[in-house]
Amino acid sequence: MSAPPGTTAERSSPPVARRGVVRAPTAPPLYHQVSLGIEEIALSPALDDEAPLPAEGQLMARFGVSRGTVRRATEELVRSGLLRSEPGRGTYVNKSEQVRRIVRRRLVQVALPDSRFHLDVKEFVPDFDGSSACIDAVRALPDYVSARTVFAAPDNSLEMLRRVALDDGKDILVPTYAMRRGFVRLSPNAVPDRDRFMAATLDGMERFGDVLDLPALRRCPPMDLLVTGATAVTQQGVHVGGGQAYFDLEWALLAELGLVRQSTPIVAVVHPCQVVPGRLRPGPYDVTVDLVVTPESVESTNRGYPRPEGISWRSLEPDLFNLIPYFGPLLAQRQRRSSRRSRA
């Protein structure tokens, strides 16, 4: 359809236009329908982040809409993070966000609901059918057996690990949700057997553990092992989180304090549907994992990517200094040291 939106030709169109775009009075806005159609194109696993989407003219013909409608639909997907627009070159898919959306469609079929978010897997990393086999596999790893202090992400899929790690005599470091109240340290000597199930939960861990301020976190022993969930993980070890980069921030903070190093092993616990083939290049602040554990296998990633050595202060969003309790004091200490060096 060549007429622009709002013209007589478009108003007299039948309720269903080409390629399934609905033009009924109760239908969502036309640009939103086109946005959903373009999203399906962008979610084709074969579409690489180096190959542009079809040109505007092709999308206009495909959906039977005007250039303005295509542009508004595309802008919506750029704002949501799925696409990026490069003037003079075209519109490209953001591969990490593409992977998230593809995997979430699979994950909702095997996910166990959360008490707050139900099955909205954009909001949390869910537990899943078969996760107990993953925990058994982690407990059998030599790095776990020898570990005294274990970092365990606050993911639903790791709740059982946090509980059995206490039974196994491990000290556990767990971030609070979004690190809003920092880290909690759980010690098996401080948590009675009868309370360990509650202590392993996000709601219960602060009742039985110590919420660490920055000096207390500095005094923690180095982590012997990190275990995390993920939205997705590649066979080469690239960890794809929910988009907020919490695990990357947690690693950067621990690295800044000398509590982890390049050789510290990281294990990702995921459902097989979360393991994606193909190569996904990590960004400069992304953390890669060494082992991928599913209910069916334990696979080494042969990680070939370095991990961040600390906090990239210039890349931190300003809001994080108010939301996460450690960044402000750390930056202030850093600035005081720099000031003393400049005066010396």
Protein backbone atom coordinates (compact mmCIF):
# COMPACT_ATOMS: atom_id res chain seq x y z
CA MET A 1 0.00 0.00 0.00
CA SER A 2 1.63 3.21 -1.12
CA ALA A 3 -0.62 5.81 0.53
CA PRO A 4 0.79 7.44 3.68
CA PRO A 5 -1.00 6.93 7.02
CA GLY A 6 -4.16 8.92 7.46
CA THR A 7 -5.00 9.31 3.72
CA THR A 8 -8.28 8.22 2.15
CA ALA A 9 -6.61 5.20 0.57
CA GLU A 10 -5.38 3.93 3.94
CA ARG A 11 -8.67 4.62 5.75
CA SER A 12 -10.54 2.57 3.16
CA SER A 13 -8.19 -0.42 3.48
CA PRO A 14 -9.62 -3.79 4.50
CA PRO A 15 -9.11 -4.84 8.17
CA VAL A 16 -6.16 -7.11 7.31
CA ALA A 17 -3.29 -5.68 5.30
CA ARG A 18 -0.39 -7.46 3.73
CA ARG A 19 1.78 -9.73 5.89
CA GLY A 20 -0.75 -9.82 8.73
CA VAL A 21 -0.81 -6.14 9.76
CA VAL A 22 -4.26 -5.61 11.31
CA ARG A 23 -6.20 -2.40 10.63
CA ALA A 24 -9.19 -2.82 12.90
CA PRO A 25 -10.48 -0.10 15.27
CA THR A 26 -9.50 -2.15 18.34
CA ALA A 27 -6.08 -3.20 17.02
CA PRO A 28 -2.83 -1.85 18.54
CA PRO A 29 -1.32 1.19 16.76
CA LEU A 30 -0.09 0.37 13.29
CA TYR A 31 3.53 1.25 14.07
CA HIS A 32 3.44 -1.13 17.03
CA GLN A 33 2.18 -3.98 14.84
CA VAL A 34 4.98 -3.27 12.37
CA SER A 35 7.44 -3.15 15.27
CA LEU A 36 6.39 -6.69 16.23
CA GLY A 37 6.91 -7.81 12.65
CA ILE A 38 10.38 -6.27 12.46
CA GLU A 39 11.19 -7.86 15.82
CA GLU A 40 10.46 -11.29 14.33
CA ILE A 41 12.91 -10.53 11.53
CA ALA A 42 15.53 -9.39 14.06
CA LEU A 43 15.08 -12.55 16.14
CA SER A 44 16.11 -14.85 13.32
CA PRO A 45 19.16 -16.67 14.75
CA ALA A 46 20.74 -16.48 11.32
CA LEU A 47 20.79 -12.67 11.47
CA ASP A 48 24.24 -11.58 12.59
CA ASP A 49 25.07 -8.23 14.15
CA GLU A 50 27.21 -7.41 11.13
CA ALA A 51 24.39 -7.88 8.58
CA PRO A 52 21.86 -5.02 8.36
CA LEU A 53 18.11 -5.49 8.47
CA PRO A 54 16.20 -5.11 5.18
CA ALA A 55 16.16 -1.54 3.90
CA GLU A 56 13.22 0.77 4.66
CA GLY A 57 11.79 0.33 1.17
CA GLN A 58 11.73 -3.44 1.57
CA LEU A 59 10.03 -3.18 4.96
CA MET A 60 7.46 -0.75 3.54
CA ALA A 61 6.59 -3.26 0.83
CA ARG A 62 6.61 -6.21 3.21
CA PHE A 63 4.17 -4.65 5.69
CA GLY A 64 2.25 -2.40 3.29
CA VAL A 65 2.86 0.77 5.27
CA SER A 66 4.46 4.17 4.84
CA ARG A 67 8.06 5.15 5.46
CA GLY A 68 7.03 7.10 8.56
CA THR A 69 5.39 4.02 10.08
CA VAL A 70 8.48 1.90 9.41
CA ARG A 71 10.72 4.53 10.97
CA ARG A 72 8.56 4.86 14.08
CA ALA A 73 8.45 1.06 14.45
CA THR A 74 12.23 0.83 14.07
CA GLU A 75 12.81 3.64 16.56
CA GLU A 76 10.74 1.73 19.11
CA LEU A 77 13.03 -1.29 18.75
CA VAL A 78 16.13 0.90 18.98
CA ARG A 79 14.84 2.36 22.25
CA SER A 80 14.17 -1.13 23.60
CA GLY A 81 17.78 -2.16 22.84
CA LEU A 82 17.11 -4.82 20.21
CA LEU A 83 18.33 -2.71 17.30
CA ARG A 84 20.97 -0.08 16.75
CA SER A 85 20.89 2.48 13.97
CA GLU A 86 24.09 3.50 12.22
CA PRO A 87 23.54 6.56 10.00
CA GLY A 88 24.69 5.94 6.47
CA ARG A 89 25.07 2.20 7.02
CA GLY A 90 21.74 0.78 8.14
CA THR A 91 19.99 -0.80 11.10
CA TYR A 92 21.58 -3.75 12.90
CA VAL A 93 20.56 -6.18 15.59
CA ASN A 94 22.24 -6.04 19.00
CA LYS A 95 23.33 -9.64 19.31
CA SER A 96 23.20 -9.88 23.12
CA GLU A 97 19.64 -8.59 23.23
CA GLN A 98 18.68 -10.86 20.36
CA VAL A 99 20.02 -13.84 22.32
CA ARG A 100 18.12 -12.75 25.45
CA ARG A 101 14.79 -12.57 23.65
CA ILE A 102 15.26 -15.86 21.81
CA VAL A 103 16.26 -17.71 24.99
CA ARG A 104 13.49 -16.19 27.11
CA ARG A 105 10.91 -17.63 24.74
CA ARG A 106 12.35 -21.08 25.38
CA LEU A 107 13.03 -20.55 29.05
CA VAL A 108 9.47 -19.72 30.00
CA GLN A 109 8.53 -23.27 28.99
CA VAL A 110 10.79 -24.84 31.64
CA ALA A 111 11.02 -22.07 34.25
CA LEU A 112 9.60 -22.40 37.75
CA PRO A 113 7.52 -19.35 38.74
CA ASP A 114 8.84 -16.73 41.12
CA SER A 115 6.73 -15.56 44.07
CA ARG A 116 6.95 -11.93 42.92
CA PHE A 117 7.42 -12.03 39.17
CA HIS A 118 5.57 -15.27 38.28
CA LEU A 119 7.02 -16.22 34.85
CA ASP A 120 8.18 -12.78 33.76
CA VAL A 121 11.72 -14.01 33.12
CA LYS A 122 12.85 -10.52 32.13
CA GLU A 123 12.81 -9.67 35.84
CA PHE A 124 14.76 -12.58 37.34
CA VAL A 125 16.86 -15.65 36.59
CA PRO A 126 14.45 -18.53 37.24
CA ASP A 127 14.88 -21.94 38.71
CA PHE A 128 14.06 -24.69 36.24
CA ASP A 129 13.20 -28.35 35.93
CA GLY A 130 16.31 -30.41 36.58
CA SER A 131 18.34 -27.81 38.48
CA SER A 132 18.99 -30.25 41.34
CA ALA A 133 21.12 -32.34 38.97
CA CYS A 134 23.16 -29.21 38.25
CA ILE A 135 23.78 -28.67 41.95
CA ASP A 136 24.94 -32.26 42.36
CA ALA A 137 27.35 -31.74 39.46
CA VAL A 138 28.73 -28.52 40.97
CA ARG A 139 29.29 -30.25 44.32
CA ALA A 140 31.38 -32.89 42.54
CA LEU A 141 33.72 -30.35 40.92
CA PRO A 142 37.26 -30.33 42.37
CA ASP A 143 37.16 -26.52 42.56
CA TYR A 144 34.03 -26.72 44.70
CA VAL A 145 35.33 -29.51 46.92
CA SER A 146 38.49 -27.55 47.75
CA ALA A 147 36.77 -24.15 48.07
CA ARG A 148 36.39 -22.51 51.45
CA THR A 149 34.65 -19.32 50.26
CA VAL A 150 32.10 -19.47 47.43
CA PHE A 151 30.39 -16.58 45.67
CA ALA A 152 26.82 -17.61 44.81
CA ALA A 153 24.69 -15.30 42.69
CA PRO A 154 21.22 -14.41 44.02
CA ASP A 155 19.51 -16.36 41.24
CA ASN A 156 16.51 -18.60 41.91
CA SER A 157 18.32 -21.47 40.21
CA LEU A 158 21.06 -21.34 42.87
CA GLU A 159 18.92 -21.37 46.01
CA MET A 160 19.60 -25.07 46.58
CA LEU A 161 23.33 -24.54 46.04
CA ARG A 162 23.40 -21.84 48.70
CA ARG A 163 21.72 -24.22 51.13
CA VAL A 164 23.94 -27.24 50.50
CA ALA A 165 27.09 -25.09 50.51
CA LEU A 166 26.31 -24.26 54.13
CA ASP A 167 25.91 -27.99 54.81
CA ASP A 168 29.29 -28.52 53.13
CA GLY A 169 30.99 -26.04 55.46
CA LYS A 170 31.52 -23.26 52.92
CA ASP A 171 31.38 -19.56 53.67
CA ILE A 172 29.13 -17.96 51.08
CA LEU A 173 29.12 -14.44 49.66
CA VAL A 174 25.76 -13.49 48.12
CA PRO A 175 24.81 -10.13 46.57
CA THR A 176 21.50 -8.69 47.69
CA TYR A 177 19.01 -8.08 44.90
CA ALA A 178 20.63 -5.64 42.45
CA MET A 179 23.31 -5.06 45.13
CA ARG A 180 21.05 -2.43 46.70
CA ARG A 181 22.22 -3.37 50.19
CA GLY A 182 25.59 -4.74 49.15
CA PHE A 183 26.78 -8.29 49.87
CA VAL A 184 25.75 -10.74 52.58
CA ARG A 185 28.20 -13.23 54.05
CA LEU A 186 26.75 -16.49 55.34
CA SER A 187 28.86 -18.68 57.60
CA PRO A 188 27.91 -22.30 58.38
CA ASN A 189 29.05 -21.77 61.98
CA ALA A 190 26.51 -18.96 62.40
CA VAL A 191 23.50 -20.64 60.78
CA PRO A 192 21.91 -23.55 62.68
CA ASP A 193 21.00 -26.60 60.61
CA ARG A 194 17.29 -25.99 61.07
CA ASP A 195 17.59 -22.45 59.60
CA ARG A 196 19.73 -23.16 56.54
CA PHE A 197 16.80 -23.54 54.17
CA MET A 198 15.60 -20.04 55.11
CA ALA A 199 19.13 -18.59 55.11
CA ALA A 200 19.59 -19.70 51.50
CA THR A 201 16.64 -17.58 50.32
CA LEU A 202 16.91 -13.93 49.31
CA ASP A 203 14.32 -12.97 51.92
CA GLY A 204 15.99 -14.96 54.70
CA MET A 205 19.71 -14.52 54.17
CA GLU A 206 19.91 -11.11 55.85
CA ARG A 207 18.34 -12.59 59.00
CA PHE A 208 21.17 -15.09 59.38
CA GLY A 209 24.10 -13.50 57.57
CA ASP A 210 26.18 -10.35 57.89
CA VAL A 211 25.44 -7.45 55.55
CA LEU A 212 28.90 -6.16 54.68
CA ASP A 213 29.91 -2.54 54.49
CA LEU A 214 32.96 -1.66 52.43
CA PRO A 215 35.58 -2.23 55.18
CA ALA A 216 34.02 -5.62 56.03
CA LEU A 217 33.94 -6.61 52.37
CA ARG A 218 37.62 -5.71 52.04
CA ARG A 219 38.41 -8.06 54.91
CA CYS A 220 36.77 -11.05 53.21
CA PRO A 221 39.10 -13.82 52.05
CA PRO A 222 39.50 -14.14 48.28
CA MET A 223 36.79 -16.10 46.48
CA ASP A 224 37.79 -19.66 45.64
CA LEU A 225 34.88 -20.21 43.26
CA LEU A 226 32.07 -18.17 41.69
CA VAL A 227 28.78 -19.79 40.69
CA THR A 228 26.19 -17.85 38.74
CA GLY A 229 23.02 -18.32 36.77
CA ALA A 230 22.43 -16.56 33.45
CA THR A 231 19.81 -15.60 30.95
CA ALA A 232 22.01 -17.32 28.39
CA VAL A 233 25.58 -18.51 27.98
CA THR A 234 27.53 -19.38 24.88
CA GLN A 235 29.58 -22.50 24.38
CA GLN A 236 32.65 -20.24 24.44
CA GLY A 237 31.72 -18.97 27.92
CA VAL A 238 30.21 -15.56 27.18
CA HIS A 239 27.75 -14.85 30.00
CA VAL A 240 24.55 -13.05 28.95
CA GLY A 241 22.69 -11.54 31.88
CA GLY A 242 19.31 -9.89 32.00
CA GLY A 243 20.59 -6.63 30.57
CA GLN A 244 21.40 -4.84 33.83
CA ALA A 245 24.95 -6.28 33.98
CA TYR A 246 24.72 -7.12 37.68
CA PHE A 247 27.13 -10.05 37.51
CA ASP A 248 29.63 -7.95 35.55
CA LEU A 249 29.38 -5.22 38.20
CA GLU A 250 29.79 -7.74 41.02
CA TRP A 251 32.91 -9.19 39.40
CA ALA A 252 34.35 -5.71 38.76
CA LEU A 253 33.84 -4.74 42.38
CA LEU A 254 35.43 -7.94 43.72
CA ALA A 255 38.33 -7.55 41.27
CA GLU A 256 38.82 -3.94 42.39
CA LEU A 257 39.16 -5.19 45.97
CA GLY A 258 41.49 -8.05 45.04
CA LEU A 259 38.96 -10.74 46.00
CA VAL A 260 38.99 -12.40 42.55
CA ARG A 261 41.62 -12.74 39.85
CA GLN A 262 41.81 -13.91 36.25
CA SER A 263 42.29 -17.52 37.32
CA THR A 264 39.34 -17.64 39.75
CA PRO A 265 37.01 -20.31 38.34
CA ILE A 266 33.47 -19.30 37.36
CA VAL A 267 30.68 -21.82 36.83
CA ALA A 268 27.39 -21.04 35.08
CA VAL A 269 24.37 -23.16 36.04
CA VAL A 270 21.75 -23.16 33.28
CA HIS A 271 19.08 -25.20 31.52
CA PRO A 272 20.16 -26.66 28.14
CA CYS A 273 17.81 -24.24 26.36
CA GLN A 274 19.95 -21.38 27.71
CA VAL A 275 23.14 -22.61 26.03
CA VAL A 276 23.47 -20.94 22.65
CA PRO A 277 25.72 -22.03 19.78
CA GLY A 278 27.78 -19.71 17.68
CA ARG A 279 30.13 -16.94 18.67
CA LEU A 280 29.12 -13.87 20.62
CA ARG A 281 31.91 -11.41 21.22
CA PRO A 282 32.08 -10.19 24.83
CA GLY A 283 32.19 -6.48 25.46
CA PRO A 284 35.11 -4.88 27.34
CA TYR A 285 33.30 -5.19 30.69
CA ASP A 286 31.71 -8.62 30.20
CA VAL A 287 32.73 -11.55 32.38
CA THR A 288 33.20 -14.98 30.80
CA VAL A 289 32.79 -18.33 32.56
CA ASP A 290 34.96 -21.45 32.65
CA LEU A 291 32.36 -24.20 33.00
CA VAL A 292 28.75 -24.53 31.87
CA VAL A 293 26.73 -26.95 33.99
CA THR A 294 23.34 -28.21 32.81
CA PRO A 295 21.28 -31.17 34.09
CA GLU A 296 22.82 -33.17 31.25
CA SER A 297 26.49 -32.19 31.14
CA VAL A 298 29.46 -30.27 32.49
CA GLU A 299 31.29 -28.55 29.65
CA SER A 300 34.51 -26.55 29.68
CA THR A 301 34.32 -23.38 27.61
CA ASN A 302 38.07 -23.20 26.99
CA ARG A 303 37.68 -19.54 27.82
CA GLY A 304 39.91 -17.41 25.68
CA TYR A 305 38.79 -13.98 26.81
CA PRO A 306 40.33 -11.89 29.61
CA ARG A 307 38.11 -10.61 32.39
CA PRO A 308 37.95 -7.02 33.68
CA GLU A 309 40.67 -6.22 36.21
CA GLY A 310 38.49 -3.85 38.21
CA ILE A 311 35.85 -1.13 37.94
CA SER A 312 35.73 0.95 34.78
CA TRP A 313 34.84 4.20 36.52
CA ARG A 314 34.17 6.16 33.36
CA SER A 315 31.60 3.66 32.14
CA LEU A 316 29.53 3.53 35.35
CA GLU A 317 26.07 5.02 35.14
CA PRO A 318 25.77 7.94 37.59
CA ASP A 319 22.71 6.39 39.26
CA LEU A 320 24.80 3.43 40.43
CA PHE A 321 26.65 5.63 42.92
CA ASN A 322 23.38 6.16 44.78
CA LEU A 323 21.90 2.70 44.25
CA ILE A 324 24.88 0.49 45.15
CA PRO A 325 26.52 1.31 48.50
CA TYR A 326 30.16 0.52 47.61
CA PHE A 327 30.84 2.64 44.54
CA GLY A 328 30.61 6.08 46.14
CA PRO A 329 33.04 5.34 49.03
CA LEU A 330 35.43 3.52 46.69
CA LEU A 331 35.52 6.43 44.27
CA ALA A 332 36.07 8.89 47.12
CA GLN A 333 39.00 6.81 48.39
CA ARG A 334 40.40 6.65 44.87
CA GLN A 335 40.17 10.42 44.48
CA ARG A 336 41.85 11.04 47.86
CA ARG A 337 44.78 8.78 46.88
CA SER A 338 45.09 10.57 43.57
CA SER A 339 45.05 13.94 45.31
CA ARG A 340 47.78 12.88 47.75
CA ARG A 341 49.94 11.62 44.88
CA SER A 342 49.53 14.87 42.98
CA ARG A 343 50.62 16.89 46.04
CA ALA A 344 53.64 14.67 46.71
